[in-house]
Amino acid sequence: MTSADAANYYFKKAARIMDVGERIETLLVTPLREVKAQVSIELDNGEIRTFQGYRCQHDNSRGPMKGGLRYHPQVDASEVLGLASLMTWKTAVVNLPYGGAKGGITVDPSTLSLKELERLTRKFVDQIHDVIGPTRDIPGPDMNTNPQVMAWIMDQYSKYHGHAPAVVTGKPVELYGSRGRETATARGLLAVCRQILQDVGLPMKGMRFAVQGFGNVGSHVSRLFHDAGGLLVAVSDVHGGVQNPAGLDVPGLFEHVRRHGSVKDFGGGTACTNEEVLTADCDVMVPAALGGVVNKQIAKEVRARIVLEGANAPCTPEADEIFEQRGVLVVPDILANAGGVTVSYFEWVQNLQHVTWDEERVNGELDRMMAEAYEKVGQISRSRKLPLRTSAYVLAIGRVGKATVLRGI
């Protein structure tokens, strides 16, 4: 099942519960625009290489489209389409005035120099600058892209359209970025986790959690959950993992990663695989790396009481069904990890209004919006006896569908 197929599976499941009808289903699921661009650059050694770039713009009924830009060897048209549709539903769940988009370049960025990455980024902007913009489509950081990449995008776009910091979010704070953006996804996960734990009667202090993936989201989740009283019992990245049922020394782990670039070989526990992190004995498991890592085989072995989706689409539909049968509570990506796009929205607002918020205001507004979104999804789940994922889609489809009809078809 492709990324797009998985996204459509959840959409159709909720749409049929709502009985929106086949024609409205087709209207809401079909992307507005898909762009495929050949991006050719000269490498530092003089060689010419061509990369494939993508930008999928899924829906703009609720506002300009919003979505990340990822650099990864597995990026393809299907993945980008699936993630773009997820962004449509995610922005609707947290009630942002956005639609969904996603983009990427099929590249392993570790094989390129910094100058080559800059040339690749700027050349891609040359190809798509006429279909993005502050009131059209606002890219943001995603897998293997960062504030520096966003700064290049802003600068290259501005060469065509004049000074336009609101064209992209996730920029450096020194270049019109927002305070709190780097930790936003993890902080949103923490806000939702607190409410989930309260609902199931588990205290945050002493809560045992595992994190698969130690990039921007996974590392900040590990730190924030630890600071809130949780015990990190297993963690992994692309190179390997480490586990300790008594809890890992998180400050020591961060120091190890700073020195060695990976959690692998950290001395505070025993070595483990990514799969062992996913099936660790814990209260909350956070898949925070690639999509599709929790398949039906893994789902049968997961021992966590709660799966908190830090990545986009980490659980396959087959895994989701198994979790439902087993009574494992899954907090879906379109709710759980919406903190990142929420603070991206705050950055966009600050750029348009030429103002700067302090971090306290950013974090306070983020906590408020995540709490409101969780409460809305929870109300639907309780009243209609639906899983949280289906409830989130019901909420999102209702908002997007109503906006689409009111604007006129």
Protein backbone atom coordinates (compact mmCIF):
# COMPACT_ATOMS: atom_id res chain seq x y z
CA MET A 1 0.00 0.00 0.00
CA THR A 2 1.47 3.37 -1.06
CA SER A 3 1.50 6.49 1.14
CA ALA A 4 -1.36 7.93 -0.90
CA ASP A 5 -3.36 4.69 -0.59
CA ALA A 6 -2.92 4.68 3.19
CA ALA A 7 -4.03 8.31 3.51
CA ASN A 8 -7.07 7.66 1.31
CA TYR A 9 -7.95 4.55 3.35
CA TYR A 10 -8.40 6.60 6.53
CA PHE A 11 -10.19 9.35 4.65
CA LYS A 12 -12.68 6.97 3.05
CA LYS A 13 -13.31 5.15 6.31
CA ALA A 14 -14.37 8.41 7.98
CA ALA A 15 -16.17 9.80 4.89
CA ARG A 16 -18.40 6.75 4.68
CA ILE A 17 -19.28 6.96 8.35
CA MET A 18 -20.30 10.55 7.60
CA ASP A 19 -22.11 9.47 4.40
CA VAL A 20 -20.75 12.40 2.37
CA GLY A 21 -21.40 10.62 -0.92
CA GLU A 22 -19.09 9.38 -3.67
CA ARG A 23 -18.94 12.67 -5.60
CA ILE A 24 -17.93 14.72 -2.55
CA GLU A 25 -15.40 12.01 -1.62
CA THR A 26 -13.79 12.32 -5.05
CA LEU A 27 -13.80 16.10 -4.83
CA LEU A 28 -12.10 16.18 -1.43
CA VAL A 29 -9.53 13.49 -2.12
CA THR A 30 -8.32 14.70 -5.54
CA PRO A 31 -5.29 17.04 -5.36
CA LEU A 32 -5.56 20.55 -6.78
CA ARG A 33 -2.15 20.46 -8.46
CA GLU A 34 0.89 18.17 -8.71
CA VAL A 35 4.23 19.59 -9.87
CA LYS A 36 7.17 17.44 -10.95
CA ALA A 37 10.43 19.20 -11.73
CA GLN A 38 13.82 18.07 -12.97
CA VAL A 39 16.45 19.86 -10.91
CA SER A 40 19.90 19.82 -12.49
CA ILE A 41 22.97 21.23 -10.74
CA GLU A 42 26.72 21.25 -11.17
CA LEU A 43 28.49 19.38 -8.37
CA ASP A 44 31.68 20.65 -6.78
CA ASN A 45 33.73 18.30 -8.99
CA GLY A 46 32.17 19.68 -12.18
CA GLU A 47 29.82 16.72 -12.75
CA ILE A 48 26.22 17.47 -13.74
CA ARG A 49 23.53 15.62 -11.80
CA THR A 50 19.77 15.74 -12.17
CA PHE A 51 17.40 15.21 -9.23
CA GLN A 52 13.63 14.80 -9.18
CA GLY A 53 11.66 17.42 -7.29
CA TYR A 54 7.97 17.35 -6.32
CA ARG A 55 5.35 19.72 -4.94
CA CYS A 56 1.80 18.50 -4.43
CA GLN A 57 -0.89 21.05 -3.56
CA HIS A 58 -3.85 19.13 -2.24
CA ASP A 59 -6.55 21.57 -1.12
CA ASN A 60 -7.00 25.33 -0.66
CA SER A 61 -10.64 25.58 0.42
CA ARG A 62 -9.71 26.84 3.93
CA GLY A 63 -6.75 29.02 2.96
CA PRO A 64 -3.30 28.92 1.35
CA MET A 65 -1.70 25.51 1.28
CA LYS A 66 0.92 24.52 3.85
CA GLY A 67 3.36 21.65 4.05
CA GLY A 68 6.95 20.60 4.49
CA LEU A 69 9.76 20.02 2.03
CA ARG A 70 11.82 16.86 2.59
CA TYR A 71 15.13 15.69 1.11
CA HIS A 72 15.30 11.88 1.12
CA PRO A 73 16.17 9.08 -1.34
CA GLN A 74 12.70 7.55 -0.97
CA VAL A 75 10.76 10.68 -1.95
CA ASP A 76 8.38 9.99 -4.83
CA ALA A 77 5.09 11.31 -6.22
CA SER A 78 2.96 8.87 -4.21
CA GLU A 79 4.61 9.72 -0.89
CA VAL A 80 4.28 13.44 -1.52
CA LEU A 81 0.59 13.11 -2.48
CA GLY A 82 -0.17 11.07 0.62
CA LEU A 83 1.60 13.54 2.91
CA ALA A 84 -0.05 16.53 1.20
CA SER A 85 -3.49 15.09 1.91
CA LEU A 86 -2.47 14.46 5.52
CA MET A 87 -1.62 18.16 5.79
CA THR A 88 -5.11 19.10 4.59
CA TRP A 89 -6.67 17.07 7.39
CA LYS A 90 -4.04 18.05 9.98
CA THR A 91 -4.49 21.80 9.50
CA ALA A 92 -8.26 21.32 9.65
CA VAL A 93 -8.08 19.31 12.90
CA VAL A 94 -6.25 22.15 14.68
CA ASN A 95 -8.47 24.69 12.88
CA LEU A 96 -5.72 26.60 11.05
CA PRO A 97 -6.73 28.71 8.02
CA TYR A 98 -4.72 26.49 5.68
CA GLY A 99 -5.00 23.72 3.16
CA GLY A 100 -2.49 20.94 2.63
CA ALA A 101 0.64 20.62 0.51
CA LYS A 102 3.91 18.70 0.57
CA GLY A 103 7.12 18.63 -1.40
CA GLY A 104 10.45 16.94 -1.67
CA ILE A 105 13.53 16.11 -3.68
CA THR A 106 14.71 12.56 -4.26
CA VAL A 107 18.21 12.90 -2.85
CA ASP A 108 20.44 11.63 -0.07
CA PRO A 109 21.61 14.98 1.35
CA SER A 110 24.51 13.31 3.18
CA THR A 111 26.16 12.76 -0.22
CA LEU A 112 26.17 16.48 -1.07
CA SER A 113 28.29 19.32 0.25
CA LEU A 114 26.69 22.37 1.84
CA LYS A 115 27.25 24.38 -1.35
CA GLU A 116 25.71 21.61 -3.46
CA LEU A 117 22.65 21.54 -1.17
CA GLU A 118 22.31 25.30 -1.53
CA ARG A 119 22.48 25.09 -5.33
CA LEU A 120 19.93 22.26 -5.33
CA THR A 121 17.54 24.22 -3.11
CA ARG A 122 17.80 27.43 -5.11
CA LYS A 123 17.37 25.61 -8.42
CA PHE A 124 14.25 23.89 -7.11
CA VAL A 125 12.83 27.28 -6.08
CA ASP A 126 13.54 28.49 -9.63
CA GLN A 127 11.27 25.69 -10.82
CA ILE A 128 8.36 26.22 -8.42
CA HIS A 129 8.45 29.92 -7.42
CA ASP A 130 5.41 30.73 -9.55
CA VAL A 131 3.16 28.23 -7.70
CA ILE A 132 4.23 29.00 -4.10
CA GLY A 133 3.91 32.21 -2.09
CA PRO A 134 2.58 33.71 1.17
CA THR A 135 -1.03 33.54 -0.07
CA ARG A 136 -0.68 30.41 -2.22
CA ASP A 137 1.52 27.70 -0.74
CA ILE A 138 3.94 28.06 2.17
CA PRO A 139 6.65 25.36 2.45
CA GLY A 140 8.33 24.49 5.74
CA PRO A 141 11.03 22.19 7.10
CA ASP A 142 10.67 18.43 7.05
CA MET A 143 12.94 15.42 6.97
CA ASN A 144 16.57 16.46 6.28
CA THR A 145 15.69 20.12 5.77
CA ASN A 146 16.31 22.80 8.38
CA PRO A 147 16.25 26.58 9.04
CA GLN A 148 19.22 27.13 6.71
CA VAL A 149 17.37 25.46 3.82
CA MET A 150 14.31 27.60 4.57
CA ALA A 151 16.50 30.74 4.51
CA TRP A 152 17.76 29.81 1.03
CA ILE A 153 14.18 29.30 -0.16
CA MET A 154 13.10 32.70 1.19
CA ASP A 155 16.08 34.43 -0.38
CA GLN A 156 15.67 32.80 -3.79
CA TYR A 157 11.92 33.42 -3.88
CA SER A 158 12.49 37.06 -2.94
CA LYS A 159 14.73 37.52 -6.00
CA TYR A 160 11.64 36.93 -8.14
CA HIS A 161 8.91 38.50 -5.99
CA GLY A 162 10.55 41.01 -3.66
CA HIS A 163 11.02 40.75 0.10
CA ALA A 164 8.63 37.98 1.23
CA PRO A 165 9.61 36.28 4.52
CA ALA A 166 6.11 34.75 4.82
CA VAL A 167 6.73 32.50 1.79
CA VAL A 168 8.28 29.87 4.04
CA THR A 169 8.29 28.96 7.73
CA GLY A 170 10.88 27.33 9.96
CA LYS A 171 13.42 30.04 9.15
CA PRO A 172 16.23 31.03 11.53
CA VAL A 173 15.02 33.38 14.28
CA GLU A 174 17.55 35.92 13.01
CA LEU A 175 15.81 35.85 9.60
CA TYR A 176 12.13 36.30 10.56
CA GLY A 177 11.68 32.84 12.09
CA SER A 178 9.55 32.24 15.17
CA ARG A 179 10.80 31.48 18.63
CA GLY A 180 9.70 28.03 19.72
CA ARG A 181 9.51 26.59 16.19
CA GLU A 182 12.35 24.08 16.63
CA THR A 183 10.65 22.32 19.55
CA ALA A 184 7.06 22.90 18.43
CA THR A 185 6.21 19.39 17.20
CA ALA A 186 7.61 17.79 20.35
CA ARG A 187 5.91 20.33 22.60
CA GLY A 188 2.60 19.64 20.88
CA LEU A 189 3.13 15.91 21.44
CA LEU A 190 3.75 16.61 25.13
CA ALA A 191 0.56 18.69 25.40
CA VAL A 192 -1.54 15.89 23.87
CA CYS A 193 0.24 13.21 25.89
CA ARG A 194 -0.56 14.97 29.18
CA GLN A 195 -4.26 14.95 28.33
CA ILE A 196 -4.25 11.34 27.15
CA LEU A 197 -2.51 10.21 30.34
CA GLN A 198 -5.02 12.13 32.42
CA ASP A 199 -7.88 10.43 30.56
CA VAL A 200 -6.49 6.93 31.14
CA GLY A 201 -5.43 7.63 34.72
CA LEU A 202 -1.64 7.52 34.33
CA PRO A 203 0.60 10.17 35.96
CA MET A 204 3.22 11.92 33.84
CA LYS A 205 5.80 11.42 36.55
CA GLY A 206 7.28 7.96 36.17
CA MET A 207 5.55 7.35 32.82
CA ARG A 208 7.75 4.97 30.79
CA PHE A 209 8.19 5.92 27.15
CA ALA A 210 10.15 4.79 24.07
CA VAL A 211 11.13 6.91 21.08
CA GLN A 212 11.94 5.52 17.64
CA GLY A 213 13.90 8.17 15.75
CA PHE A 214 16.22 10.78 17.25
CA GLY A 215 15.97 13.63 14.77
CA ASN A 216 14.38 16.98 15.51
CA VAL A 217 11.11 15.49 16.81
CA GLY A 218 12.45 12.44 18.61
CA SER A 219 15.29 14.23 20.37
CA HIS A 220 13.09 17.04 21.67
CA VAL A 221 10.38 14.56 22.71
CA SER A 222 12.99 12.66 24.71
CA ARG A 223 14.14 15.80 26.48
CA LEU A 224 10.71 17.35 27.09
CA PHE A 225 9.11 14.12 28.33
CA HIS A 226 12.13 13.50 30.58
CA ASP A 227 11.94 17.03 31.99
CA ALA A 228 8.23 16.45 32.70
CA GLY A 229 9.03 13.37 34.80
CA GLY A 230 8.91 10.57 32.24
CA LEU A 231 11.39 7.69 32.01
CA LEU A 232 12.96 7.06 28.59
CA VAL A 233 13.37 3.26 28.47
CA ALA A 234 14.35 2.79 24.79
CA VAL A 235 15.49 5.01 21.93
CA SER A 236 16.95 4.52 18.46
CA ASP A 237 18.08 6.29 15.32
CA VAL A 238 19.11 5.12 11.86
CA HIS A 239 22.39 3.68 13.22
CA GLY A 240 21.04 1.67 16.15
CA GLY A 241 19.44 1.92 19.56
CA VAL A 242 19.82 1.58 23.31
CA GLN A 243 17.44 0.45 26.02
CA ASN A 244 17.30 0.41 29.82
CA PRO A 245 14.10 -0.67 31.65
CA ALA A 246 15.13 1.47 34.63
CA GLY A 247 15.36 4.60 32.47
CA LEU A 248 18.14 6.12 30.36
CA ASP A 249 20.25 9.09 31.45
CA VAL A 250 18.80 11.60 28.97
CA PRO A 251 21.32 14.45 29.54
CA GLY A 252 24.11 11.89 29.18
CA LEU A 253 22.48 10.54 26.02
CA PHE A 254 22.40 14.03 24.49
CA GLU A 255 26.07 14.53 25.29
CA HIS A 256 26.88 11.17 23.67
CA VAL A 257 24.95 12.15 20.51
CA ARG A 258 26.70 15.52 20.41
CA ARG A 259 30.07 13.78 20.45
CA HIS A 260 29.36 10.75 18.28
CA GLY A 261 26.38 11.73 16.11
CA SER A 262 24.21 8.78 17.13
CA VAL A 263 22.57 7.11 20.12
CA LYS A 264 24.39 3.91 19.11
CA ASP A 265 26.91 2.61 21.66
CA PHE A 266 25.62 4.85 24.48
CA GLY A 267 26.90 3.29 27.68
CA GLY A 268 23.79 3.84 29.79
CA GLY A 269 21.98 0.73 28.59
CA THR A 270 22.11 -2.28 26.28
CA ALA A 271 22.10 -2.17 22.50
CA CYS A 272 18.81 -2.78 20.67
CA THR A 273 17.29 -2.49 17.21
CA ASN A 274 14.67 -0.07 15.90
CA GLU A 275 12.12 -2.90 15.99
CA GLU A 276 12.92 -3.59 19.65
CA VAL A 277 12.26 0.07 20.46
CA LEU A 278 8.86 -0.14 18.79
CA THR A 279 7.99 -3.21 20.86
CA ALA A 280 9.59 -2.06 24.14
CA ASP A 281 7.75 -2.60 27.43
CA CYS A 282 6.48 0.92 28.12
CA ASP A 283 3.40 3.08 28.63
CA VAL A 284 3.83 5.36 25.60
CA MET A 285 5.62 4.54 22.35
CA VAL A 286 6.49 7.42 20.03
CA PRO A 287 7.39 6.49 16.43
CA ALA A 288 9.15 9.68 15.31
CA ALA A 289 11.05 8.68 12.17
CA LEU A 290 9.80 7.44 8.80
CA GLY A 291 6.28 6.48 7.79
CA GLY A 292 5.11 2.88 7.59
CA VAL A 293 7.50 1.52 10.26
CA VAL A 294 4.72 -0.01 12.39
CA ASN A 295 3.31 -2.78 10.20
CA LYS A 296 0.91 -5.56 11.15
CA GLN A 297 3.73 -7.82 12.38
CA ILE A 298 5.15 -5.11 14.65
CA ALA A 299 1.63 -4.14 15.82
CA LYS A 300 1.06 -7.64 17.19
CA GLU A 301 4.15 -7.29 19.37
CA VAL A 302 3.76 -3.69 20.57
CA ARG A 303 3.54 -3.65 24.37
CA ALA A 304 2.85 0.05 24.84
CA ARG A 305 -0.55 1.10 26.11
CA ILE A 306 -0.50 4.26 23.96
CA VAL A 307 1.02 4.88 20.52
CA LEU A 308 1.69 8.60 20.02
CA GLU A 309 2.44 9.26 16.35
CA GLY A 310 5.35 11.70 16.15
CA ALA A 311 6.10 10.95 12.50
CA ASN A 312 3.67 11.25 9.61
CA ALA A 313 1.87 7.97 8.85
CA PRO A 314 4.16 5.73 10.96
CA CYS A 315 1.42 3.08 11.39
CA THR A 316 0.00 1.21 8.41
CA PRO A 317 -3.78 0.72 8.13
CA GLU A 318 -3.30 -3.00 8.89
CA ALA A 319 -1.43 -2.11 12.08
CA ASP A 320 -4.15 0.36 12.99
CA GLU A 321 -6.80 -2.36 12.78
CA ILE A 322 -4.73 -4.66 15.01
CA PHE A 323 -4.30 -1.91 17.60
CA GLU A 324 -8.05 -1.33 17.60
CA GLN A 325 -8.67 -5.03 18.18
CA ARG A 326 -6.06 -5.17 20.97
CA GLY A 327 -7.28 -2.02 22.71
CA VAL A 328 -4.04 -0.08 22.12
CA LEU A 329 -4.83 3.64 22.08
CA VAL A 330 -3.40 5.32 18.97
CA VAL A 331 -3.16 9.11 18.90
CA PRO A 332 -3.07 9.88 15.14
CA ASP A 333 -0.47 11.99 13.40
CA ILE A 334 -2.99 14.58 12.19
CA LEU A 335 -3.63 15.44 15.83
CA ALA A 336 -0.54 14.36 17.77
CA ASN A 337 2.20 16.00 15.70
CA ALA A 338 0.28 19.11 14.63
CA GLY A 339 2.36 21.33 16.93
CA GLY A 340 4.89 21.95 14.17
CA VAL A 341 2.42 23.33 11.64
CA THR A 342 0.67 25.28 14.41
CA VAL A 343 3.81 27.22 15.29
CA SER A 344 4.55 27.55 11.57
CA TYR A 345 1.19 29.30 11.38
CA PHE A 346 2.28 31.61 14.21
CA GLU A 347 5.47 32.41 12.25
CA TRP A 348 3.46 33.19 9.11
CA VAL A 349 1.15 35.48 11.10
CA GLN A 350 4.13 37.30 12.64
CA ASN A 351 5.71 37.76 9.20
CA LEU A 352 2.52 39.13 7.65
CA GLN A 353 1.96 41.52 10.55
CA HIS A 354 5.67 42.48 10.89
CA VAL A 355 5.66 41.65 14.62
CA THR A 356 7.61 39.30 16.88
CA TRP A 357 6.15 37.14 19.64
CA ASP A 358 8.16 36.03 22.66
CA GLU A 359 8.55 32.29 23.29
CA GLU A 360 6.18 32.33 26.25
CA ARG A 361 3.36 33.56 24.02
CA VAL A 362 4.19 31.02 21.31
CA ASN A 363 4.17 28.10 23.76
CA GLY A 364 1.02 29.31 25.50
CA GLU A 365 -0.90 29.65 22.23
CA LEU A 366 0.38 26.25 21.10
CA ASP A 367 -0.78 24.53 24.29
CA ARG A 368 -4.19 26.19 24.00
CA MET A 369 -4.74 25.18 20.37
CA MET A 370 -3.56 21.60 20.91
CA ALA A 371 -5.87 21.27 23.93
CA GLU A 372 -8.82 22.57 21.93
CA ALA A 373 -8.11 20.17 19.06
CA TYR A 374 -7.79 17.19 21.40
CA GLU A 375 -11.04 18.10 23.15
CA LYS A 376 -12.93 18.36 19.82
CA VAL A 377 -11.58 15.00 18.63
CA GLY A 378 -12.30 13.44 22.03
CA GLN A 379 -15.90 14.65 21.99
CA ILE A 380 -16.50 12.96 18.63
CA SER A 381 -14.75 9.79 19.80
CA ARG A 382 -16.87 9.55 22.95
CA SER A 383 -20.19 10.50 21.40
CA ARG A 384 -19.86 8.28 18.32
CA LYS A 385 -17.74 5.53 19.89
CA LEU A 386 -15.02 5.87 17.26
CA PRO A 387 -11.22 5.53 17.45
CA LEU A 388 -9.31 8.79 17.80
CA ARG A 389 -7.97 8.58 14.22
CA THR A 390 -11.39 8.17 12.67
CA SER A 391 -12.74 10.93 14.94
CA ALA A 392 -9.97 13.30 13.83
CA TYR A 393 -10.78 12.61 10.19
CA VAL A 394 -14.50 13.15 10.83
CA LEU A 395 -13.70 16.56 12.35
CA ALA A 396 -11.33 17.50 9.51
CA ILE A 397 -13.56 16.30 6.67
CA GLY A 398 -16.50 18.20 8.14
CA ARG A 399 -14.53 21.44 8.21
CA VAL A 400 -12.96 21.05 4.76
CA GLY A 401 -16.17 19.82 3.18
CA LYS A 402 -18.21 22.69 4.56
CA ALA A 403 -15.65 25.25 3.36
CA THR A 404 -15.60 23.65 -0.10
CA VAL A 405 -19.39 23.75 -0.45
CA LEU A 406 -19.71 27.31 0.91
CA ARG A 407 -17.12 28.62 -1.55
CA GLY A 408 -18.95 26.99 -4.44
CA ILE A 409 -18.01 24.01 -6.56
